[in-house]
């Protein structure tokens, strides 16, 4: 009993300790040791089953979670689902959130902690037709642009301001999700994410310009894996196991695209294999972008992103969990 308590205390101290100065190399990795008994947890993505969640579906499909004694229920996404509330009530243990939603949840005093971020490069993109000659935000003035929600409003405002254009200088089209209006030239600029709308537009045979938000100062982490704060504090070994299996799933998904697509289609058989294959090809450079391993969050970059929104920045990202996976040789 005393030995178990000491082990648990060591994990907690590790997960709450100061971060390492340098990230580990981005080589392959192995799973951590399994939990002593089967533990059931609920996980929910922040969108419908698609390539951007391939690593989780693959981890479930090939048994990475099972190997660590984790029974992971991947819950279906619902646009009306309140992820922060579900984390708080215990209905969900782990989730994926975008940067804007994460900051909003923290500002509402939600007890959630960031563990990792899949997208190392901001995946949002603005799309115009080649014939329009709209090739940068400087060309947005007087043009109509689809604005899907408050998150997209924030992105649009930040991007156009980088070119000294006000949000009032463009025509925002809201409450529209029919991309055929873009096809018919009723909307000048469509917004989307690298793995979704650009694939749809290319498969429709439309020649387009792609204007990436990251080229205009948007450097957000996206696809953030979050956990309920109470679970992180009280059962850190479960958090380490979930994160290990999930990141290993992503590592495998990137190396074995067809296996990843099989896993996606297992959860959503009606999807197009061709579409998901093209989506996987597009997202890989945004996830594995350089020397950092999958999911790594740079502390300095993280603090800059949330500076001005939140005072207690360090406690919101528990770097010790991902460090346990990548640095600790005992469990590898």
C-alpha atoms as a PDB file:
ATOM      1  CA  UNK A   1       0.000   0.000   0.000  1.00  0.00           C
ATOM      2  CA  UNK A   2       2.803   2.416   0.929  1.00  0.00           C
ATOM      3  CA  UNK A   3       4.706   1.514  -2.255  1.00  0.00           C
ATOM      4  CA  UNK A   4       1.677   2.230  -4.437  1.00  0.00           C
ATOM      5  CA  UNK A   5       1.173   5.610  -2.787  1.00  0.00           C
ATOM      6  CA  UNK A   6       4.823   6.519  -3.378  1.00  0.00           C
ATOM      7  CA  UNK A   7       4.568   5.591  -7.068  1.00  0.00           C
ATOM      8  CA  UNK A   8       1.401   7.681  -7.447  1.00  0.00           C
ATOM      9  CA  UNK A   9       3.055  10.621  -5.681  1.00  0.00           C
ATOM     10  CA  UNK A  10       6.071  10.419  -7.987  1.00  0.00           C
ATOM     11  CA  UNK A  11       3.839  10.520 -11.085  1.00  0.00           C
ATOM     12  CA  UNK A  12       1.919  13.510  -9.749  1.00  0.00           C
ATOM     13  CA  UNK A  13       5.127  15.400  -8.977  1.00  0.00           C
ATOM     14  CA  UNK A  14       6.483  14.590 -12.415  1.00  0.00           C
ATOM     15  CA  UNK A  15       3.337  15.777 -14.163  1.00  0.00           C
ATOM     16  CA  UNK A  16       3.268  19.043 -12.240  1.00  0.00           C
ATOM     17  CA  UNK A  17       7.010  19.717 -12.353  1.00  0.00           C
ATOM     18  CA  UNK A  18       8.796  22.338 -14.427  1.00  0.00           C
ATOM     19  CA  UNK A  19       8.933  21.476 -18.141  1.00  0.00           C
ATOM     20  CA  UNK A  20      12.086  20.207 -19.863  1.00  0.00           C
ATOM     21  CA  UNK A  21      14.070  22.847 -21.697  1.00  0.00           C
ATOM     22  CA  UNK A  22      14.299  20.886 -24.962  1.00  0.00           C
ATOM     23  CA  UNK A  23      11.747  18.580 -26.590  1.00  0.00           C
ATOM     24  CA  UNK A  24      12.771  14.983 -27.283  1.00  0.00           C
ATOM     25  CA  UNK A  25      13.643  13.890 -30.800  1.00  0.00           C
ATOM     26  CA  UNK A  26      10.728  12.941 -33.015  1.00  0.00           C
ATOM     27  CA  UNK A  27      11.567   9.283 -33.472  1.00  0.00           C
ATOM     28  CA  UNK A  28       9.218   6.368 -32.929  1.00  0.00           C
ATOM     29  CA  UNK A  29       8.008   5.432 -29.485  1.00  0.00           C
ATOM     30  CA  UNK A  30       6.472   2.548 -27.583  1.00  0.00           C
ATOM     31  CA  UNK A  31       3.540   2.330 -25.241  1.00  0.00           C
ATOM     32  CA  UNK A  32       3.959   2.917 -21.513  1.00  0.00           C
ATOM     33  CA  UNK A  33       3.262   0.124 -19.040  1.00  0.00           C
ATOM     34  CA  UNK A  34      -0.389  -0.971 -18.741  1.00  0.00           C
ATOM     35  CA  UNK A  35      -2.627   0.022 -15.862  1.00  0.00           C
ATOM     36  CA  UNK A  36      -2.980  -2.588 -13.101  1.00  0.00           C
ATOM     37  CA  UNK A  37      -6.662  -3.137 -13.920  1.00  0.00           C
ATOM     38  CA  UNK A  38      -9.120  -2.313 -16.704  1.00  0.00           C
ATOM     39  CA  UNK A  39     -10.277   1.301 -16.515  1.00  0.00           C
ATOM     40  CA  UNK A  40     -13.160   2.716 -18.537  1.00  0.00           C
ATOM     41  CA  UNK A  41     -12.969   6.298 -19.833  1.00  0.00           C
ATOM     42  CA  UNK A  42     -15.046   8.412 -22.199  1.00  0.00           C
ATOM     43  CA  UNK A  43     -13.476  10.455 -24.974  1.00  0.00           C
ATOM     44  CA  UNK A  44     -15.156  12.850 -27.395  1.00  0.00           C
ATOM     45  CA  UNK A  45     -13.722  14.571 -30.508  1.00  0.00           C
ATOM     46  CA  UNK A  46     -14.814  18.107 -31.337  1.00  0.00           C
ATOM     47  CA  UNK A  47     -16.095  17.210 -34.792  1.00  0.00           C
ATOM     48  CA  UNK A  48     -17.527  14.324 -36.758  1.00  0.00           C
ATOM     49  CA  UNK A  49     -15.426  11.180 -37.507  1.00  0.00           C
ATOM     50  CA  UNK A  50     -12.847  12.269 -40.075  1.00  0.00           C
ATOM     51  CA  UNK A  51      -9.121  12.165 -40.784  1.00  0.00           C
ATOM     52  CA  UNK A  52      -8.339  14.761 -38.124  1.00  0.00           C
ATOM     53  CA  UNK A  53      -9.144  12.103 -35.495  1.00  0.00           C
ATOM     54  CA  UNK A  54      -7.585   9.133 -37.286  1.00  0.00           C
ATOM     55  CA  UNK A  55      -5.050   8.430 -34.553  1.00  0.00           C
ATOM     56  CA  UNK A  56      -7.702   7.897 -31.886  1.00  0.00           C
ATOM     57  CA  UNK A  57      -9.799   5.635 -34.107  1.00  0.00           C
ATOM     58  CA  UNK A  58      -6.717   3.617 -35.015  1.00  0.00           C
ATOM     59  CA  UNK A  59      -5.643   3.304 -31.363  1.00  0.00           C
ATOM     60  CA  UNK A  60      -9.104   1.919 -30.634  1.00  0.00           C
ATOM     61  CA  UNK A  61      -9.237  -0.258 -33.741  1.00  0.00           C
ATOM     62  CA  UNK A  62      -5.874  -2.004 -33.353  1.00  0.00           C
ATOM     63  CA  UNK A  63      -6.024  -2.320 -29.570  1.00  0.00           C
ATOM     64  CA  UNK A  64      -3.497   0.231 -28.285  1.00  0.00           C
ATOM     65  CA  UNK A  65      -5.934   1.326 -25.583  1.00  0.00           C
ATOM     66  CA  UNK A  66      -6.702  -2.288 -24.709  1.00  0.00           C
ATOM     67  CA  UNK A  67      -3.002  -3.052 -24.294  1.00  0.00           C
ATOM     68  CA  UNK A  68      -2.848  -0.441 -21.547  1.00  0.00           C
ATOM     69  CA  UNK A  69      -5.993  -1.764 -19.852  1.00  0.00           C
ATOM     70  CA  UNK A  70      -8.041   1.183 -21.036  1.00  0.00           C
ATOM     71  CA  UNK A  71     -11.606   0.667 -22.201  1.00  0.00           C
ATOM     72  CA  UNK A  72     -12.066   3.862 -24.217  1.00  0.00           C
ATOM     73  CA  UNK A  73     -15.551   4.810 -25.357  1.00  0.00           C
ATOM     74  CA  UNK A  74     -15.290   7.226 -28.288  1.00  0.00           C
ATOM     75  CA  UNK A  75     -18.498   9.221 -28.068  1.00  0.00           C
ATOM     76  CA  UNK A  76     -20.192  10.601 -31.198  1.00  0.00           C
ATOM     77  CA  UNK A  77     -19.870  14.342 -31.696  1.00  0.00           C
ATOM     78  CA  UNK A  78     -22.970  16.501 -31.559  1.00  0.00           C
ATOM     79  CA  UNK A  79     -22.794  20.220 -32.521  1.00  0.00           C
ATOM     80  CA  UNK A  80     -24.939  21.043 -29.485  1.00  0.00           C
ATOM     81  CA  UNK A  81     -22.758  19.068 -27.082  1.00  0.00           C
ATOM     82  CA  UNK A  82     -21.114  21.149 -24.341  1.00  0.00           C
ATOM     83  CA  UNK A  83     -17.670  19.580 -23.984  1.00  0.00           C
ATOM     84  CA  UNK A  84     -16.410  21.708 -21.030  1.00  0.00           C
ATOM     85  CA  UNK A  85     -19.627  21.034 -19.108  1.00  0.00           C
ATOM     86  CA  UNK A  86     -19.392  17.306 -19.826  1.00  0.00           C
ATOM     87  CA  UNK A  87     -15.812  17.256 -18.555  1.00  0.00           C
ATOM     88  CA  UNK A  88     -16.901  19.041 -15.384  1.00  0.00           C
ATOM     89  CA  UNK A  89     -19.735  16.599 -14.681  1.00  0.00           C
ATOM     90  CA  UNK A  90     -17.626  13.535 -15.399  1.00  0.00           C
ATOM     91  CA  UNK A  91     -19.687  12.486 -18.417  1.00  0.00           C
ATOM     92  CA  UNK A  92     -16.492  12.846 -20.442  1.00  0.00           C
ATOM     93  CA  UNK A  93     -12.934  12.265 -19.226  1.00  0.00           C
ATOM     94  CA  UNK A  94     -10.920  13.320 -22.280  1.00  0.00           C
ATOM     95  CA  UNK A  95     -11.784  15.511 -25.256  1.00  0.00           C
ATOM     96  CA  UNK A  96     -10.388  17.439 -28.200  1.00  0.00           C
ATOM     97  CA  UNK A  97     -10.837  21.211 -28.246  1.00  0.00           C
ATOM     98  CA  UNK A  98      -9.761  24.133 -30.384  1.00  0.00           C
ATOM     99  CA  UNK A  99      -7.668  26.959 -28.939  1.00  0.00           C
ATOM    100  CA  UNK A 100     -10.499  29.490 -28.906  1.00  0.00           C
ATOM    101  CA  UNK A 101     -12.928  27.146 -27.151  1.00  0.00           C
ATOM    102  CA  UNK A 102     -10.250  26.139 -24.651  1.00  0.00           C
ATOM    103  CA  UNK A 103      -9.559  29.754 -23.702  1.00  0.00           C
ATOM    104  CA  UNK A 104     -13.284  30.477 -23.417  1.00  0.00           C
ATOM    105  CA  UNK A 105     -13.754  27.471 -21.132  1.00  0.00           C
ATOM    106  CA  UNK A 106     -10.919  28.571 -18.852  1.00  0.00           C
ATOM    107  CA  UNK A 107     -12.334  32.086 -18.702  1.00  0.00           C
ATOM    108  CA  UNK A 108     -15.575  30.486 -17.508  1.00  0.00           C
ATOM    109  CA  UNK A 109     -13.597  28.816 -14.696  1.00  0.00           C
ATOM    110  CA  UNK A 110     -13.848  25.307 -16.133  1.00  0.00           C
ATOM    111  CA  UNK A 111     -11.387  22.921 -14.491  1.00  0.00           C
ATOM    112  CA  UNK A 112      -9.690  21.470 -17.574  1.00  0.00           C
ATOM    113  CA  UNK A 113      -6.055  20.862 -18.432  1.00  0.00           C
ATOM    114  CA  UNK A 114      -4.297  20.694 -21.812  1.00  0.00           C
ATOM    115  CA  UNK A 115      -2.131  17.618 -22.390  1.00  0.00           C
ATOM    116  CA  UNK A 116      -0.974  17.859 -26.001  1.00  0.00           C
ATOM    117  CA  UNK A 117      -1.836  19.442 -29.353  1.00  0.00           C
ATOM    118  CA  UNK A 118      -2.064  17.478 -32.571  1.00  0.00           C
ATOM    119  CA  UNK A 119      -1.900  20.367 -35.028  1.00  0.00           C
ATOM    120  CA  UNK A 120       1.490  22.027 -34.713  1.00  0.00           C
ATOM    121  CA  UNK A 121       0.535  24.386 -37.543  1.00  0.00           C
ATOM    122  CA  UNK A 122      -2.769  26.276 -37.626  1.00  0.00           C
ATOM    123  CA  UNK A 123      -4.957  24.353 -40.152  1.00  0.00           C
ATOM    124  CA  UNK A 124      -7.475  27.057 -41.085  1.00  0.00           C
ATOM    125  CA  UNK A 125      -7.505  28.183 -44.699  1.00  0.00           C
ATOM    126  CA  UNK A 126      -9.294  30.726 -46.900  1.00  0.00           C
ATOM    127  CA  UNK A 127     -10.287  29.537 -50.359  1.00  0.00           C
ATOM    128  CA  UNK A 128     -10.948  31.598 -53.480  1.00  0.00           C
ATOM    129  CA  UNK A 129     -11.304  30.600 -57.100  1.00  0.00           C
ATOM    130  CA  UNK A 130      -8.275  31.014 -59.346  1.00  0.00           C
ATOM    131  CA  UNK A 131     -10.191  33.305 -61.682  1.00  0.00           C
ATOM    132  CA  UNK A 132     -11.038  35.674 -58.809  1.00  0.00           C
ATOM    133  CA  UNK A 133      -7.415  36.742 -58.354  1.00  0.00           C
ATOM    134  CA  UNK A 134      -7.973  36.851 -54.587  1.00  0.00           C
ATOM    135  CA  UNK A 135      -4.583  35.639 -53.404  1.00  0.00           C
ATOM    136  CA  UNK A 136      -4.053  37.250 -49.999  1.00  0.00           C
ATOM    137  CA  UNK A 137      -6.049  38.927 -47.205  1.00  0.00           C
ATOM    138  CA  UNK A 138      -5.166  42.259 -48.810  1.00  0.00           C
ATOM    139  CA  UNK A 139      -7.579  41.267 -51.577  1.00  0.00           C
ATOM    140  CA  UNK A 140     -10.471  40.589 -49.163  1.00  0.00           C
ATOM    141  CA  UNK A 141     -11.644  44.194 -49.060  1.00  0.00           C
ATOM    142  CA  UNK A 142     -15.198  44.462 -50.376  1.00  0.00           C
ATOM    143  CA  UNK A 143     -15.437  40.697 -50.878  1.00  0.00           C
ATOM    144  CA  UNK A 144     -17.929  38.289 -49.340  1.00  0.00           C
ATOM    145  CA  UNK A 145     -16.550  35.663 -46.994  1.00  0.00           C
ATOM    146  CA  UNK A 146     -18.258  32.832 -45.169  1.00  0.00           C
ATOM    147  CA  UNK A 147     -18.143  33.222 -41.374  1.00  0.00           C
ATOM    148  CA  UNK A 148     -19.320  29.957 -39.809  1.00  0.00           C
ATOM    149  CA  UNK A 149     -19.150  30.748 -36.079  1.00  0.00           C
ATOM    150  CA  UNK A 150     -17.491  32.900 -33.425  1.00  0.00           C
ATOM    151  CA  UNK A 151     -14.224  30.994 -33.774  1.00  0.00           C
ATOM    152  CA  UNK A 152     -14.071  31.820 -37.448  1.00  0.00           C
ATOM    153  CA  UNK A 153     -14.970  35.442 -36.766  1.00  0.00           C
ATOM    154  CA  UNK A 154     -11.890  35.669 -34.527  1.00  0.00           C
ATOM    155  CA  UNK A 155      -9.667  34.077 -37.183  1.00  0.00           C
ATOM    156  CA  UNK A 156     -10.986  36.318 -39.946  1.00  0.00           C
ATOM    157  CA  UNK A 157     -10.534  39.438 -37.835  1.00  0.00           C
ATOM    158  CA  UNK A 158      -6.961  38.515 -36.921  1.00  0.00           C
ATOM    159  CA  UNK A 159      -5.997  37.653 -40.498  1.00  0.00           C
ATOM    160  CA  UNK A 160      -7.412  40.775 -42.174  1.00  0.00           C
ATOM    161  CA  UNK A 161      -5.942  43.030 -39.490  1.00  0.00           C
ATOM    162  CA  UNK A 162      -2.493  41.731 -40.478  1.00  0.00           C
ATOM    163  CA  UNK A 163      -3.034  43.486 -43.814  1.00  0.00           C
ATOM    164  CA  UNK A 164      -4.406  46.693 -42.269  1.00  0.00           C
ATOM    165  CA  UNK A 165      -7.993  45.850 -43.211  1.00  0.00           C
ATOM    166  CA  UNK A 166     -10.877  46.179 -40.805  1.00  0.00           C
ATOM    167  CA  UNK A 167     -13.496  43.471 -40.349  1.00  0.00           C
ATOM    168  CA  UNK A 168     -15.947  46.160 -41.486  1.00  0.00           C
ATOM    169  CA  UNK A 169     -14.212  46.287 -44.886  1.00  0.00           C
ATOM    170  CA  UNK A 170     -15.427  42.810 -45.835  1.00  0.00           C
ATOM    171  CA  UNK A 171     -18.864  41.252 -46.237  1.00  0.00           C
ATOM    172  CA  UNK A 172     -19.433  38.512 -43.675  1.00  0.00           C
ATOM    173  CA  UNK A 173     -21.926  35.839 -44.717  1.00  0.00           C
ATOM    174  CA  UNK A 174     -23.278  33.956 -41.733  1.00  0.00           C
ATOM    175  CA  UNK A 175     -25.656  31.041 -41.096  1.00  0.00           C
ATOM    176  CA  UNK A 176     -24.773  29.420 -44.422  1.00  0.00           C
ATOM    177  CA  UNK A 177     -23.198  25.983 -44.816  1.00  0.00           C
ATOM    178  CA  UNK A 178     -24.026  25.256 -48.460  1.00  0.00           C
ATOM    179  CA  UNK A 179     -20.697  25.267 -50.298  1.00  0.00           C
ATOM    180  CA  UNK A 180     -22.511  25.205 -53.635  1.00  0.00           C
ATOM    181  CA  UNK A 181     -22.987  28.957 -53.196  1.00  0.00           C
ATOM    182  CA  UNK A 182     -19.209  29.279 -53.483  1.00  0.00           C
ATOM    183  CA  UNK A 183     -19.297  27.073 -56.568  1.00  0.00           C
ATOM    184  CA  UNK A 184     -21.932  29.393 -58.101  1.00  0.00           C
ATOM    185  CA  UNK A 185     -19.842  32.518 -57.347  1.00  0.00           C
ATOM    186  CA  UNK A 186     -22.395  33.790 -54.843  1.00  0.00           C
ATOM    187  CA  UNK A 187     -19.679  33.913 -52.159  1.00  0.00           C
ATOM    188  CA  UNK A 188     -16.152  35.061 -52.993  1.00  0.00           C
ATOM    189  CA  UNK A 189     -14.199  33.339 -50.218  1.00  0.00           C
ATOM    190  CA  UNK A 190     -14.929  30.076 -48.431  1.00  0.00           C
ATOM    191  CA  UNK A 191     -13.366  29.204 -45.101  1.00  0.00           C
ATOM    192  CA  UNK A 192     -12.392  25.783 -43.860  1.00  0.00           C
ATOM    193  CA  UNK A 193      -9.726  23.476 -42.500  1.00  0.00           C
ATOM    194  CA  UNK A 194      -6.950  21.928 -44.519  1.00  0.00           C
ATOM    195  CA  UNK A 195      -8.323  18.381 -44.288  1.00  0.00           C
ATOM    196  CA  UNK A 196     -11.904  19.191 -45.255  1.00  0.00           C
ATOM    197  CA  UNK A 197     -13.106  21.955 -47.583  1.00  0.00           C
ATOM    198  CA  UNK A 198      -9.945  22.076 -49.778  1.00  0.00           C
ATOM    199  CA  UNK A 199     -10.372  18.349 -50.453  1.00  0.00           C
ATOM    200  CA  UNK A 200     -14.040  18.821 -51.278  1.00  0.00           C
ATOM    201  CA  UNK A 201     -13.282  21.684 -53.651  1.00  0.00           C
ATOM    202  CA  UNK A 202     -10.466  19.813 -55.389  1.00  0.00           C
ATOM    203  CA  UNK A 203     -12.661  16.730 -55.846  1.00  0.00           C
ATOM    204  CA  UNK A 204     -15.283  19.004 -57.390  1.00  0.00           C
ATOM    205  CA  UNK A 205     -12.716  19.941 -60.032  1.00  0.00           C
ATOM    206  CA  UNK A 206     -12.511  23.611 -59.063  1.00  0.00           C
ATOM    207  CA  UNK A 207      -9.183  25.417 -59.428  1.00  0.00           C
ATOM    208  CA  UNK A 208      -8.617  27.442 -56.289  1.00  0.00           C
ATOM    209  CA  UNK A 209      -6.222  29.640 -54.364  1.00  0.00           C
ATOM    210  CA  UNK A 210      -5.463  28.580 -50.790  1.00  0.00           C
ATOM    211  CA  UNK A 211      -4.615  31.323 -48.317  1.00  0.00           C
ATOM    212  CA  UNK A 212      -3.283  29.826 -45.099  1.00  0.00           C
ATOM    213  CA  UNK A 213      -3.939  31.610 -41.827  1.00  0.00           C
ATOM    214  CA  UNK A 214      -0.520  30.640 -40.451  1.00  0.00           C
ATOM    215  CA  UNK A 215       1.115  32.748 -43.178  1.00  0.00           C
ATOM    216  CA  UNK A 216      -0.553  35.800 -41.610  1.00  0.00           C
ATOM    217  CA  UNK A 217       0.365  35.406 -37.961  1.00  0.00           C
ATOM    218  CA  UNK A 218      -2.170  32.816 -36.773  1.00  0.00           C
ATOM    219  CA  UNK A 219      -0.003  30.394 -34.828  1.00  0.00           C
ATOM    220  CA  UNK A 220      -2.573  28.644 -32.642  1.00  0.00           C
ATOM    221  CA  UNK A 221      -2.274  25.071 -31.500  1.00  0.00           C
ATOM    222  CA  UNK A 222      -5.313  23.092 -32.596  1.00  0.00           C
ATOM    223  CA  UNK A 223      -6.624  19.624 -31.892  1.00  0.00           C
ATOM    224  CA  UNK A 224      -5.769  20.107 -28.215  1.00  0.00           C
ATOM    225  CA  UNK A 225      -6.197  16.994 -26.080  1.00  0.00           C
ATOM    226  CA  UNK A 226      -7.747  18.042 -22.775  1.00  0.00           C
ATOM    227  CA  UNK A 227      -8.639  16.235 -19.567  1.00  0.00           C
ATOM    228  CA  UNK A 228     -10.827  16.943 -16.587  1.00  0.00           C
ATOM    229  CA  UNK A 229      -8.634  18.619 -13.943  1.00  0.00           C
ATOM    230  CA  UNK A 230      -9.802  16.357 -11.131  1.00  0.00           C
ATOM    231  CA  UNK A 231      -8.890  13.254 -13.102  1.00  0.00           C
ATOM    232  CA  UNK A 232      -5.462  14.711 -13.888  1.00  0.00           C
ATOM    233  CA  UNK A 233      -4.780  15.360 -10.210  1.00  0.00           C
ATOM    234  CA  UNK A 234      -6.234  12.169  -8.757  1.00  0.00           C
ATOM    235  CA  UNK A 235      -5.456   9.532 -11.388  1.00  0.00           C
ATOM    236  CA  UNK A 236      -2.416  10.699 -13.368  1.00  0.00           C
ATOM    237  CA  UNK A 237      -1.531   7.136 -14.362  1.00  0.00           C
ATOM    238  CA  UNK A 238      -4.802   6.945 -16.344  1.00  0.00           C
ATOM    239  CA  UNK A 239      -3.958  10.210 -18.086  1.00  0.00           C
ATOM    240  CA  UNK A 240      -0.478   8.962 -19.025  1.00  0.00           C
ATOM    241  CA  UNK A 241      -1.943   5.718 -20.387  1.00  0.00           C
ATOM    242  CA  UNK A 242      -4.601   7.477 -22.485  1.00  0.00           C
ATOM    243  CA  UNK A 243      -2.123   9.981 -23.890  1.00  0.00           C
ATOM    244  CA  UNK A 244       0.449   7.281 -24.654  1.00  0.00           C
ATOM    245  CA  UNK A 245      -1.996   5.088 -26.578  1.00  0.00           C
ATOM    246  CA  UNK A 246      -3.494   8.088 -28.416  1.00  0.00           C
ATOM    247  CA  UNK A 247      -0.148   9.483 -29.559  1.00  0.00           C
ATOM    248  CA  UNK A 248       1.043   6.025 -30.518  1.00  0.00           C
ATOM    249  CA  UNK A 249      -2.146   5.732 -32.548  1.00  0.00           C
ATOM    250  CA  UNK A 250      -1.272   8.938 -34.342  1.00  0.00           C
ATOM    251  CA  UNK A 251       2.303   7.829 -34.945  1.00  0.00           C
ATOM    252  CA  UNK A 252       0.999   4.639 -36.555  1.00  0.00           C
ATOM    253  CA  UNK A 253      -1.736   6.456 -38.496  1.00  0.00           C
ATOM    254  CA  UNK A 254       0.808   8.757 -40.115  1.00  0.00           C
ATOM    255  CA  UNK A 255       3.062   5.855 -41.072  1.00  0.00           C
ATOM    256  CA  UNK A 256       0.227   3.585 -42.227  1.00  0.00           C
ATOM    257  CA  UNK A 257      -2.394   5.733 -43.907  1.00  0.00           C
ATOM    258  CA  UNK A 258      -4.559   2.875 -45.163  1.00  0.00           C
ATOM    259  CA  UNK A 259      -4.798   1.391 -41.652  1.00  0.00           C
ATOM    260  CA  UNK A 260      -5.853   4.828 -40.423  1.00  0.00           C
ATOM    261  CA  UNK A 261      -8.537   5.058 -43.095  1.00  0.00           C
ATOM    262  CA  UNK A 262      -9.764   1.560 -42.210  1.00  0.00           C
ATOM    263  CA  UNK A 263     -10.162   2.734 -38.615  1.00  0.00           C
ATOM    264  CA  UNK A 264     -12.079   5.863 -39.640  1.00  0.00           C
ATOM    265  CA  UNK A 265     -14.429   3.878 -41.871  1.00  0.00           C
ATOM    266  CA  UNK A 266     -14.951   1.331 -39.130  1.00  0.00           C
ATOM    267  CA  UNK A 267     -16.500   4.123 -37.049  1.00  0.00           C
ATOM    268  CA  UNK A 268     -18.263   5.788 -39.962  1.00  0.00           C
ATOM    269  CA  UNK A 269     -18.727   3.326 -42.871  1.00  0.00           C
ATOM    270  CA  UNK A 270     -20.520   5.848 -45.069  1.00  0.00           C
ATOM    271  CA  UNK A 271     -17.491   8.072 -45.614  1.00  0.00           C
ATOM    272  CA  UNK A 272     -15.543   8.173 -48.869  1.00  0.00           C
ATOM    273  CA  UNK A 273     -12.213   6.311 -48.734  1.00  0.00           C
ATOM    274  CA  UNK A 274     -10.836   8.553 -51.470  1.00  0.00           C
ATOM    275  CA  UNK A 275     -11.803  11.694 -49.536  1.00  0.00           C
ATOM    276  CA  UNK A 276     -10.234  10.426 -46.305  1.00  0.00           C
ATOM    277  CA  UNK A 277      -7.045   9.407 -48.141  1.00  0.00           C
ATOM    278  CA  UNK A 278      -6.668  12.908 -49.555  1.00  0.00           C
ATOM    279  CA  UNK A 279      -7.446  14.393 -46.126  1.00  0.00           C
ATOM    280  CA  UNK A 280      -4.789  12.290 -44.424  1.00  0.00           C
ATOM    281  CA  UNK A 281      -2.231  13.413 -46.986  1.00  0.00           C
ATOM    282  CA  UNK A 282      -3.038  17.054 -46.294  1.00  0.00           C
ATOM    283  CA  UNK A 283      -2.981  16.957 -42.493  1.00  0.00           C
ATOM    284  CA  UNK A 284       0.299  15.067 -41.964  1.00  0.00           C
ATOM    285  CA  UNK A 285       2.572  18.120 -42.562  1.00  0.00           C
ATOM    286  CA  UNK A 286       0.448  20.113 -40.104  1.00  0.00           C
ATOM    287  CA  UNK A 287       0.820  17.438 -37.409  1.00  0.00           C
ATOM    288  CA  UNK A 288       4.397  16.300 -37.979  1.00  0.00           C
ATOM    289  CA  UNK A 289       5.896  19.615 -38.944  1.00  0.00           C
ATOM    290  CA  UNK A 290       9.530  19.416 -37.854  1.00  0.00           C
ATOM    291  CA  UNK A 291      11.725  18.220 -35.032  1.00  0.00           C
ATOM    292  CA  UNK A 292       9.098  18.070 -32.309  1.00  0.00           C
ATOM    293  CA  UNK A 293       7.359  14.761 -31.628  1.00  0.00           C
ATOM    294  CA  UNK A 294       3.627  14.302 -32.170  1.00  0.00           C
ATOM    295  CA  UNK A 295       1.503  16.321 -29.769  1.00  0.00           C
ATOM    296  CA  UNK A 296       4.323  18.411 -28.316  1.00  0.00           C
ATOM    297  CA  UNK A 297       3.449  21.872 -26.964  1.00  0.00           C
ATOM    298  CA  UNK A 298       6.218  24.427 -26.669  1.00  0.00           C
ATOM    299  CA  UNK A 299       5.804  26.215 -23.354  1.00  0.00           C
ATOM    300  CA  UNK A 300       6.971  29.634 -24.574  1.00  0.00           C
ATOM    301  CA  UNK A 301       4.732  29.531 -27.625  1.00  0.00           C
ATOM    302  CA  UNK A 302       1.797  28.338 -25.497  1.00  0.00           C
ATOM    303  CA  UNK A 303       2.195  31.196 -23.033  1.00  0.00           C
ATOM    304  CA  UNK A 304       2.315  33.756 -25.818  1.00  0.00           C
ATOM    305  CA  UNK A 305      -0.881  32.377 -27.339  1.00  0.00           C
ATOM    306  CA  UNK A 306      -2.892  32.737 -24.147  1.00  0.00           C
ATOM    307  CA  UNK A 307      -1.210  35.899 -22.945  1.00  0.00           C
ATOM    308  CA  UNK A 308      -3.792  38.605 -22.391  1.00  0.00           C
ATOM    309  CA  UNK A 309      -6.609  36.079 -21.972  1.00  0.00           C
ATOM    310  CA  UNK A 310      -5.578  34.161 -18.858  1.00  0.00           C
ATOM    311  CA  UNK A 311      -3.354  35.099 -15.918  1.00  0.00           C
ATOM    312  CA  UNK A 312      -2.414  31.676 -14.540  1.00  0.00           C
ATOM    313  CA  UNK A 313      -0.963  30.315 -17.773  1.00  0.00           C
ATOM    314  CA  UNK A 314       1.391  27.562 -16.606  1.00  0.00           C
ATOM    315  CA  UNK A 315      -1.202  25.517 -14.729  1.00  0.00           C
ATOM    316  CA  UNK A 316      -3.373  25.127 -17.843  1.00  0.00           C
ATOM    317  CA  UNK A 317      -0.846  22.983 -19.688  1.00  0.00           C
ATOM    318  CA  UNK A 318       0.361  19.961 -17.713  1.00  0.00           C
ATOM    319  CA  UNK A 319       3.525  19.189 -19.674  1.00  0.00           C
ATOM    320  CA  UNK A 320       4.590  16.455 -17.280  1.00  0.00           C
ATOM    321  CA  UNK A 321       2.221  13.926 -18.849  1.00  0.00           C
ATOM    322  CA  UNK A 322       3.708  14.106 -22.331  1.00  0.00           C
ATOM    323  CA  UNK A 323       7.189  14.301 -20.839  1.00  0.00           C
ATOM    324  CA  UNK A 324       6.479  11.066 -18.970  1.00  0.00           C
ATOM    325  CA  UNK A 325       5.730   9.394 -22.304  1.00  0.00           C
ATOM    326  CA  UNK A 326       8.638  10.731 -24.310  1.00  0.00           C
ATOM    327  CA  UNK A 327      11.395  11.029 -21.710  1.00  0.00           C
ATOM    328  CA  UNK A 328      10.848   8.240 -19.203  1.00  0.00           C
ATOM    329  CA  UNK A 329      12.886   5.203 -20.330  1.00  0.00           C
ATOM    330  CA  UNK A 330      11.500   2.885 -17.625  1.00  0.00           C
ATOM    331  CA  UNK A 331       8.142   2.392 -19.326  1.00  0.00           C
ATOM    332  CA  UNK A 332       9.426   2.179 -22.891  1.00  0.00           C
END
